[in-house]
PDB file of N, CA and C in Angstrom:
ATOM      1  N   MET A   1       0.896  -1.222  -0.292  1.00  0.00           N
ATOM      2  CA  MET A   1      -0.211  -0.031  -0.153  1.00  0.00           C
ATOM      3  C   MET A   1       0.599   1.231   0.201  1.00  0.00           C
ATOM      4  N   THR A   2       0.577   1.866  -0.651  1.00  0.00           N
ATOM      5  CA  THR A   2       1.029   3.504  -1.041  1.00  0.00           C
ATOM      6  C   THR A   2       0.820   4.487  -0.254  1.00  0.00           C
ATOM      7  N   THR A   3       1.374   5.113   0.169  1.00  0.00           N
ATOM      8  CA  THR A   3       0.124   6.156   1.305  1.00  0.00           C
ATOM      9  C   THR A   3       0.926   7.659   0.431  1.00  0.00           C
ATOM     10  N   GLU A   4      -0.157   8.615  -0.102  1.00  0.00           N
ATOM     11  CA  GLU A   4       0.514   9.871  -0.903  1.00  0.00           C
ATOM     12  C   GLU A   4       0.623  10.812  -0.366  1.00  0.00           C
ATOM     13  N   THR A   5       2.039  11.745  -0.393  1.00  0.00           N
ATOM     14  CA  THR A   5       2.246  12.888   0.528  1.00  0.00           C
ATOM     15  C   THR A   5       1.172  14.385  -0.127  1.00  0.00           C
ATOM     16  N   PRO A   6       0.463  15.071   0.366  1.00  0.00           N
ATOM     17  CA  PRO A   6       0.041  16.243   0.513  1.00  0.00           C
ATOM     18  C   PRO A   6       1.208  17.019  -0.362  1.00  0.00           C
ATOM     19  N   ALA A   7       0.888  17.161  -1.711  1.00  0.00           N
ATOM     20  CA  ALA A   7       1.522  18.175  -2.759  1.00  0.00           C
ATOM     21  C   ALA A   7       2.048  19.560  -1.116  1.00  0.00           C
ATOM     22  N   PRO A   8       2.806  20.204  -1.336  1.00  0.00           N
ATOM     23  CA  PRO A   8       3.400  21.560  -0.110  1.00  0.00           C
ATOM     24  C   PRO A   8       2.154  22.660  -0.876  1.00  0.00           C
ATOM     25  N   ALA A   9       1.880  23.558  -0.163  1.00  0.00           N
ATOM     26  CA  ALA A   9       0.843  25.230  -0.990  1.00  0.00           C
ATOM     27  C   ALA A   9       2.179  25.892  -1.941  1.00  0.00           C
ATOM     28  N   ARG A  10       1.327  25.919  -3.208  1.00  0.00           N
ATOM     29  CA  ARG A  10       1.827  27.090  -4.314  1.00  0.00           C
ATOM     30  C   ARG A  10       2.554  28.368  -3.403  1.00  0.00           C
ATOM     31  N   ALA A  11       3.345  28.878  -3.214  1.00  0.00           N
ATOM     32  CA  ALA A  11       3.828  29.751  -2.834  1.00  0.00           C
ATOM     33  C   ALA A  11       4.459  31.035  -3.850  1.00  0.00           C
ATOM     34  N   PHE A  12       3.671  32.541  -3.639  1.00  0.00           N
ATOM     35  CA  PHE A  12       3.512  33.325  -3.964  1.00  0.00           C
ATOM     36  C   PHE A  12       4.613  34.249  -4.138  1.00  0.00           C
ATOM     37  N   HIS A  13       5.527  34.223  -5.309  1.00  0.00           N
ATOM     38  CA  HIS A  13       6.501  36.142  -4.999  1.00  0.00           C
ATOM     39  C   HIS A  13       6.639  36.878  -5.656  1.00  0.00           C
ATOM     40  N   CYS A  14       7.578  37.765  -4.701  1.00  0.00           N
ATOM     41  CA  CYS A  14       7.528  38.899  -4.927  1.00  0.00           C
ATOM     42  C   CYS A  14       8.485  39.096  -5.727  1.00  0.00           C
ATOM     43  N   ARG A  15       9.253  40.033  -6.446  1.00  0.00           N
ATOM     44  CA  ARG A  15      10.237  40.383  -7.259  1.00  0.00           C
ATOM     45  C   ARG A  15      11.955  41.010  -6.392  1.00  0.00           C
ATOM     46  N   CYS A  16      10.899  40.915  -4.998  1.00  0.00           N
ATOM     47  CA  CYS A  16      12.485  40.849  -4.284  1.00  0.00           C
ATOM     48  C   CYS A  16      12.974  39.999  -3.140  1.00  0.00           C
ATOM     49  N   GLY A  17      11.605  38.788  -3.560  1.00  0.00           N
ATOM     50  CA  GLY A  17      12.225  37.840  -3.131  1.00  0.00           C
ATOM     51  C   GLY A  17      11.293  36.766  -1.699  1.00  0.00           C
ATOM     52  N   VAL A  18      10.729  37.687  -1.919  1.00  0.00           N
ATOM     53  CA  VAL A  18       9.753  37.182  -0.420  1.00  0.00           C
ATOM     54  C   VAL A  18       8.888  36.212  -0.803  1.00  0.00           C
ATOM     55  N   ALA A  19       8.582  35.244  -0.476  1.00  0.00           N
ATOM     56  CA  ALA A  19       7.192  34.033  -0.478  1.00  0.00           C
ATOM     57  C   ALA A  19       6.347  34.199   0.184  1.00  0.00           C
ATOM     58  N   TYR A  20       5.465  34.560  -0.140  1.00  0.00           N
ATOM     59  CA  TYR A  20       4.217  34.345   0.370  1.00  0.00           C
ATOM     60  C   TYR A  20       3.160  32.562   0.169  1.00  0.00           C
ATOM     61  N   VAL A  21       3.162  31.819   1.158  1.00  0.00           N
ATOM     62  CA  VAL A  21       1.833  30.605   1.310  1.00  0.00           C
ATOM     63  C   VAL A  21       0.445  31.425   1.285  1.00  0.00           C
ATOM     64  N   PRO A  22      -0.786  30.613   0.597  1.00  0.00           N
ATOM     65  CA  PRO A  22      -1.393  31.435   0.215  1.00  0.00           C
ATOM     66  C   PRO A  22      -2.223  32.139   1.304  1.00  0.00           C
ATOM     67  N   ALA A  23      -2.484  31.184   3.059  1.00  0.00           N
ATOM     68  CA  ALA A  23      -2.280  32.179   3.789  1.00  0.00           C
ATOM     69  C   ALA A  23      -2.152  33.272   4.343  1.00  0.00           C
ATOM     70  N   ALA A  24      -0.551  33.673   4.024  1.00  0.00           N
ATOM     71  CA  ALA A  24       0.084  34.907   4.195  1.00  0.00           C
ATOM     72  C   ALA A  24      -0.554  35.102   3.685  1.00  0.00           C
ATOM     73  N   PHE A  25       0.394  35.591   2.134  1.00  0.00           N
ATOM     74  CA  PHE A  25      -0.991  36.068   1.044  1.00  0.00           C
ATOM     75  C   PHE A  25      -2.366  36.790   0.989  1.00  0.00           C
ATOM     76  N   ALA A  26      -2.563  35.992   1.891  1.00  0.00           N
ATOM     77  CA  ALA A  26      -4.383  36.808   1.861  1.00  0.00           C
ATOM     78  C   ALA A  26      -3.963  37.598   2.777  1.00  0.00           C
ATOM     79  N   ARG A  27      -3.329  37.921   4.431  1.00  0.00           N
ATOM     80  CA  ARG A  27      -3.518  38.365   5.461  1.00  0.00           C
ATOM     81  C   ARG A  27      -2.206  40.094   4.690  1.00  0.00           C
ATOM     82  N   LEU A  28      -2.225  39.985   3.100  1.00  0.00           N
ATOM     83  CA  LEU A  28      -1.429  41.501   3.331  1.00  0.00           C
ATOM     84  C   LEU A  28      -2.301  41.872   2.827  1.00  0.00           C
ATOM     85  N   GLU A  29      -1.779  43.504   3.013  1.00  0.00           N
ATOM     86  CA  GLU A  29      -3.033  44.617   2.028  1.00  0.00           C
ATOM     87  C   GLU A  29      -3.305  44.639   0.916  1.00  0.00           C
ATOM     88  N   PRO A  30      -4.685  44.995   0.341  1.00  0.00           N
ATOM     89  CA  PRO A  30      -5.454  44.957  -0.849  1.00  0.00           C
ATOM     90  C   PRO A  30      -5.051  45.572  -1.154  1.00  0.00           C
ATOM     91  N   VAL A  31      -4.190  45.875  -3.001  1.00  0.00           N
ATOM     92  CA  VAL A  31      -4.586  46.461  -3.528  1.00  0.00           C
ATOM     93  C   VAL A  31      -5.841  46.460  -4.358  1.00  0.00           C
ATOM     94  N   ARG A  32      -6.314  45.774  -4.480  1.00  0.00           N
ATOM     95  CA  ARG A  32      -7.084  45.976  -6.142  1.00  0.00           C
ATOM     96  C   ARG A  32      -7.598  44.354  -6.468  1.00  0.00           C
ATOM     97  N   VAL A  33      -8.956  43.946  -6.921  1.00  0.00           N
ATOM     98  CA  VAL A  33      -9.071  43.340  -7.426  1.00  0.00           C
ATOM     99  C   VAL A  33      -9.914  43.254  -8.507  1.00  0.00           C
ATOM    100  N   LEU A  34      -9.102  42.807  -9.583  1.00  0.00           N
ATOM    101  CA  LEU A  34      -9.459  43.043 -11.409  1.00  0.00           C
ATOM    102  C   LEU A  34     -10.875  41.753 -11.464  1.00  0.00           C
ATOM    103  N   ASP A  35     -11.852  41.985 -11.895  1.00  0.00           N
ATOM    104  CA  ASP A  35     -12.860  40.951 -12.511  1.00  0.00           C
ATOM    105  C   ASP A  35     -12.909  41.025 -13.739  1.00  0.00           C
ATOM    106  N   MET A  36     -13.964  40.154 -14.267  1.00  0.00           N
ATOM    107  CA  MET A  36     -14.217  39.783 -15.868  1.00  0.00           C
ATOM    108  C   MET A  36     -14.783  41.353 -15.991  1.00  0.00           C
ATOM    109  N   ALA A  37     -15.606  42.972 -15.759  1.00  0.00           N
ATOM    110  CA  ALA A  37     -15.083  43.842 -16.688  1.00  0.00           C
ATOM    111  C   ALA A  37     -14.313  44.391 -16.662  1.00  0.00           C
ATOM    112  N   ASP A  38     -12.927  43.733 -15.812  1.00  0.00           N
ATOM    113  CA  ASP A  38     -11.463  44.927 -15.817  1.00  0.00           C
ATOM    114  C   ASP A  38     -11.083  43.715 -16.975  1.00  0.00           C
ATOM    115  N   ILE A  39     -10.853  42.809 -17.048  1.00  0.00           N
ATOM    116  CA  ILE A  39     -10.241  41.459 -17.718  1.00  0.00           C
ATOM    117  C   ILE A  39     -10.664  41.653 -19.348  1.00  0.00           C
ATOM    118  N   ALA A  40     -11.948  41.135 -19.205  1.00  0.00           N
ATOM    119  CA  ALA A  40     -12.395  40.864 -20.681  1.00  0.00           C
ATOM    120  C   ALA A  40     -12.535  42.439 -22.150  1.00  0.00           C
ATOM    121  N   PRO A  41     -11.593  43.422 -22.281  1.00  0.00           N
ATOM    122  CA  PRO A  41     -11.329  43.963 -23.080  1.00  0.00           C
ATOM    123  C   PRO A  41      -9.938  43.800 -22.976  1.00  0.00           C
ATOM    124  N   LEU A  42      -9.498  43.069 -22.938  1.00  0.00           N
ATOM    125  CA  LEU A  42      -7.871  42.446 -22.786  1.00  0.00           C
ATOM    126  C   LEU A  42      -7.530  41.416 -23.590  1.00  0.00           C
ATOM    127  N   VAL A  43      -8.567  40.785 -23.118  1.00  0.00           N
ATOM    128  CA  VAL A  43      -8.386  39.035 -23.516  1.00  0.00           C
ATOM    129  C   VAL A  43      -9.697  38.834 -24.435  1.00  0.00           C
ATOM    130  N   VAL A  44      -9.367  37.680 -24.925  1.00  0.00           N
ATOM    131  CA  VAL A  44     -10.473  36.959 -25.729  1.00  0.00           C
ATOM    132  C   VAL A  44     -11.634  36.337 -24.888  1.00  0.00           C
ATOM    133  N   ARG A  45     -11.304  35.454 -23.633  1.00  0.00           N
ATOM    134  CA  ARG A  45     -12.218  34.713 -22.749  1.00  0.00           C
ATOM    135  C   ARG A  45     -11.334  35.057 -21.347  1.00  0.00           C
ATOM    136  N   TRP A  46     -12.361  35.165 -21.366  1.00  0.00           N
ATOM    137  CA  TRP A  46     -11.787  35.729 -19.407  1.00  0.00           C
ATOM    138  C   TRP A  46     -13.035  34.738 -18.682  1.00  0.00           C
ATOM    139  N   PRO A  47     -13.097  33.353 -17.559  1.00  0.00           N
ATOM    140  CA  PRO A  47     -14.583  32.875 -17.042  1.00  0.00           C
ATOM    141  C   PRO A  47     -14.509  34.318 -15.960  1.00  0.00           C
ATOM    142  N   GLU A  48     -16.164  33.600 -16.212  1.00  0.00           N
ATOM    143  CA  GLU A  48     -16.889  34.788 -15.044  1.00  0.00           C
ATOM    144  C   GLU A  48     -16.116  34.690 -13.478  1.00  0.00           C
ATOM    145  N   ASP A  49     -15.685  33.569 -12.934  1.00  0.00           N
ATOM    146  CA  ASP A  49     -15.698  33.287 -11.314  1.00  0.00           C
ATOM    147  C   ASP A  49     -14.233  33.164 -11.506  1.00  0.00           C
ATOM    148  N   THR A  50     -12.942  34.413 -12.570  1.00  0.00           N
ATOM    149  CA  THR A  50     -11.577  34.419 -12.499  1.00  0.00           C
ATOM    150  C   THR A  50     -12.083  35.470 -11.355  1.00  0.00           C
ATOM    151  N   VAL A  51     -11.208  35.446 -10.884  1.00  0.00           N
ATOM    152  CA  VAL A  51     -10.212  37.377 -10.520  1.00  0.00           C
ATOM    153  C   VAL A  51      -8.998  37.346 -10.535  1.00  0.00           C
ATOM    154  N   VAL A  52      -8.385  38.730 -10.972  1.00  0.00           N
ATOM    155  CA  VAL A  52      -7.214  38.869 -10.388  1.00  0.00           C
ATOM    156  C   VAL A  52      -7.120  39.450  -9.344  1.00  0.00           C
ATOM    157  N   ASP A  53      -6.150  39.080  -7.978  1.00  0.00           N
ATOM    158  CA  ASP A  53      -6.406  39.294  -6.839  1.00  0.00           C
ATOM    159  C   ASP A  53      -5.039  39.969  -6.276  1.00  0.00           C
ATOM    160  N   VAL A  54      -4.715  41.056  -5.978  1.00  0.00           N
ATOM    161  CA  VAL A  54      -3.074  41.938  -6.246  1.00  0.00           C
ATOM    162  C   VAL A  54      -3.599  42.083  -4.854  1.00  0.00           C
ATOM    163  N   ARG A  55      -2.122  41.845  -4.377  1.00  0.00           N
ATOM    164  CA  ARG A  55      -1.956  42.745  -2.980  1.00  0.00           C
ATOM    165  C   ARG A  55      -0.999  42.896  -2.686  1.00  0.00           C
ATOM    166  N   ALA A  56      -0.558  43.933  -1.567  1.00  0.00           N
ATOM    167  CA  ALA A  56       1.222  44.851  -1.642  1.00  0.00           C
ATOM    168  C   ALA A  56       2.220  43.643  -0.896  1.00  0.00           C
ATOM    169  N   CYS A  57       3.351  43.583  -1.441  1.00  0.00           N
ATOM    170  CA  CYS A  57       4.605  42.788  -1.098  1.00  0.00           C
ATOM    171  C   CYS A  57       4.506  43.383   0.605  1.00  0.00           C
ATOM    172  N   SER A  58       4.484  42.848   1.878  1.00  0.00           N
ATOM    173  CA  SER A  58       5.142  43.523   3.370  1.00  0.00           C
ATOM    174  C   SER A  58       6.674  43.547   3.449  1.00  0.00           C
ATOM    175  N   GLY A  59       7.179  43.145   2.100  1.00  0.00           N
ATOM    176  CA  GLY A  59       9.030  43.503   2.818  1.00  0.00           C
ATOM    177  C   GLY A  59       9.014  44.966   1.838  1.00  0.00           C
ATOM    178  N   CYS A  60       8.457  45.045   0.356  1.00  0.00           N
ATOM    179  CA  CYS A  60       8.973  46.460  -0.806  1.00  0.00           C
ATOM    180  C   CYS A  60       7.831  46.995  -0.856  1.00  0.00           C
ATOM    181  N   ALA A  61       6.178  46.295  -1.318  1.00  0.00           N
ATOM    182  CA  ALA A  61       5.065  47.146  -1.286  1.00  0.00           C
ATOM    183  C   ALA A  61       4.617  47.423  -2.383  1.00  0.00           C
ATOM    184  N   ALA A  62       6.315  46.335  -3.506  1.00  0.00           N
ATOM    185  CA  ALA A  62       5.601  45.746  -4.617  1.00  0.00           C
ATOM    186  C   ALA A  62       4.170  45.251  -5.140  1.00  0.00           C
ATOM    187  N   PRO A  63       3.251  45.104  -6.050  1.00  0.00           N
ATOM    188  CA  PRO A  63       2.218  44.742  -5.811  1.00  0.00           C
ATOM    189  C   PRO A  63       2.782  43.369  -6.710  1.00  0.00           C
ATOM    190  N   ILE A  64       1.719  41.725  -6.030  1.00  0.00           N
ATOM    191  CA  ILE A  64       1.561  40.931  -6.851  1.00  0.00           C
ATOM    192  C   ILE A  64       0.368  40.614  -6.911  1.00  0.00           C
ATOM    193  N   ALA A  65       0.255  39.886  -8.044  1.00  0.00           N
ATOM    194  CA  ALA A  65      -1.209  39.372  -7.942  1.00  0.00           C
ATOM    195  C   ALA A  65      -1.483  37.586  -8.791  1.00  0.00           C
ATOM    196  N   ARG A  66      -2.731  37.463  -7.721  1.00  0.00           N
ATOM    197  CA  ARG A  66      -2.397  35.875  -8.324  1.00  0.00           C
ATOM    198  C   ARG A  66      -4.062  36.136  -8.661  1.00  0.00           C
ATOM    199  N   LEU A  67      -4.180  34.368  -9.721  1.00  0.00           N
ATOM    200  CA  LEU A  67      -5.743  34.314  -9.700  1.00  0.00           C
ATOM    201  C   LEU A  67      -6.737  34.397  -8.728  1.00  0.00           C
ATOM    202  N   ALA A  68      -7.407  34.087  -8.622  1.00  0.00           N
ATOM    203  CA  ALA A  68      -8.308  33.221  -7.358  1.00  0.00           C
ATOM    204  C   ALA A  68      -9.790  33.760  -7.950  1.00  0.00           C
ATOM    205  N   ARG A  69     -10.494  32.500  -7.515  1.00  0.00           N
ATOM    206  CA  ARG A  69     -12.008  31.996  -7.417  1.00  0.00           C
ATOM    207  C   ARG A  69     -12.524  32.925  -7.075  1.00  0.00           C
ATOM    208  N   ARG A  70     -13.983  33.244  -7.740  1.00  0.00           N
ATOM    209  CA  ARG A  70     -14.664  34.276  -6.757  1.00  0.00           C
ATOM    210  C   ARG A  70     -15.758  33.204  -5.631  1.00  0.00           C
TER     211      ARG A  70
END
């Protein structure tokens, strides 16, 4: 019998080198959430339930973006 080890949480990296696991990313200062209305003019097709969540790095304040589901 084999036991699978869960995959580690994906980290989000800032250009300054700081990495954030999802829980730490969620605690960062929100900058903006781009939804379908913001993205649709720029792409051919965008899922309605997907947004771009932009937060500020706690180390250098640069914006870090990730895709998120609503």
